Amino acid sequence: MSNYTNLYLFNHHHPNTTSTTSTTPTTTNTTNPTTNTTYIIPIPLSNHDNDINIEYLDNILNIMRLICGKILTPILCMIGILSNIINIIILTREWMNSSTNIYLTAVSICDLLYLLFTYLFSLWLYPYIKQFTIYAYSITIIHGTANLFSNITTWLTVSFTLERYIVISLPIISKKYCNKQRAIYIIIIIFISCFILTLPDYLKKTIIYNNTTYNYNSSLNSNTKNVTINNQYIVVDTNINIILIKIGYDYINQIIFIILPMILLIIFNSLLIRSVMKANQDRKILIKHNNNHTNNTSINMINDPKNIDLLHSNNNNNNDNNNDGRKYSLVQLNQEATTSQMIPAIVRDALEASMRTTIGITSGITQSFRPIQYQTNLLPIITIKRNKLGEQQRITLMLITIVIAFVLLQLPSIVPTITINLINAGIIQSTQYTTKCLLIYSNISNVLLIINAALNFVFYSLFSKKFRQTCYILLKNITCLKYFSYH
């Protein structure tokens, strides 16, 4: 989602201005920069609030700025950058090559760059860094680029969610449209489209150098002197921003990058959850049937035309995910069907496709779960062992975890944006009290967005044994190289 709440991250104090503090770069009226300081998103302040409450909120805001801006943001960004680098290394291995993993590689790259530019933007909090001319004049570019990669990640998530839905619901069509080459084309289109739609963000603000002076009567003589007390760069609105406000750019941006993706993700996620529930019901029936008629079930599964179509679709996906082109043989399918502890191949693939898509919706994470046996030079034969818990319990626990993560990490970032629009429309009255509450809240929601961008590695490790195996082997190879380099 577009990181609008980053606008609240940092600010600095100016003399002759309101005492309001926040964690955003401040914006000054271009006509009189020394006497009228506002926020990047202008919220009118009232002077009729309770001074005690305002002072109390000031203290809380300073604490949140310290914890969120100076402590948590750098730490989480560094952890997220490192984990996304590992994700990219693993997902680009030859045996991990698939259309889904191409999407995930792009998501990891975007998350990495988003965290990098968010960290650079957080340096605005430090006054001595703001005094560097190069950094000051690049702050608007840094902020716009962070928004750009956040927007790209949002639509990449929608894209591979839709792809997973097509694979599970329309397997015949998925053979034609869900491939690696088409995934690359879609990623390029998303990048170009998001860049065009986010381009105005780079033009809304500019930087000016601010010298604030006041009259000071020196103790050495009676002459009045103008003494400079504030030499720093500040963020101000441009004339282009006025035009963008008139044409409703902010509303268009929020619809494209927040509301519409949210609706699509909820719809397709609901459909996939329904597919999971239906697949589990079919699984129970088929397993019960397998226990009573083991051999007959295996033959019927192979001869049923509907299952043959799905089997061909599964084989096509196997080709997409494995360069050696190994497929399930009829003997392997028969062995799985005759084992009461294994899920039939058709239902299993439906379940796992749903699981992968559900994970991808909230964290940009999906991975091949199929227990395909294959051999590469580096990667040994891998087979996924089923958890001792039943598949239904495992899926239920996973869905609960994913939904909680989605609600906690994504939805809070929408509240400041909606609130600001209501204030600008005059529906909600803005006061110093409400403004400071919103600033405090925005610091927290920003940290949640950063956590979301850094969580990919955790979800991969939890839900994909193939990812863990690959990570283990790569780390083992690195250890071996270090060992031989010292001997």
Foldseek 3Di string as FASTA:
>chain_A
DQQPLQQFQCDDDAPQEDPDGTHHFWAADPVDRRHYIAGPLGADADPPDDPVLLVVLSVLRVVLSCCLLVPLLVVLLVLLLVLLVLLLVLCPDQLNFFLLSVLLNLLSVLLNLLSVLSNLLSVVRDQVVQADPVSVQCNLVSSLSSSLSLLLNLVSLLVVLVLLLCCLPPLVVSLVQGTNVNSVVVSVVSSVVSCVLSVVSSVFKGKDWDWHWDWDQDPVDRDIDTDTDDTGIGIYTDPVNVVCVVVVSLVVVCVSRPVVSVVSLVVSLVVLVVLLVVLVVVQVVLLVVCVVPVQVSLVCLCPPPVNVSLQVSVLSNVVRSGVVSDHDDSVNQSVQSNDSVHTRPSSVVSNLSSLQSLQCSQQVGGGDAAQDFDDDPQAHTGGDDDDPDDPVVVSVVSNVVRVVLRCVQPVLSVVLSVVSVCSVVVVDRDYSSVVSVSSSSSSVNVSSPSNSSSCHSVVCVVPHPVSVRSSVSVVVVVVVVVVVVVD
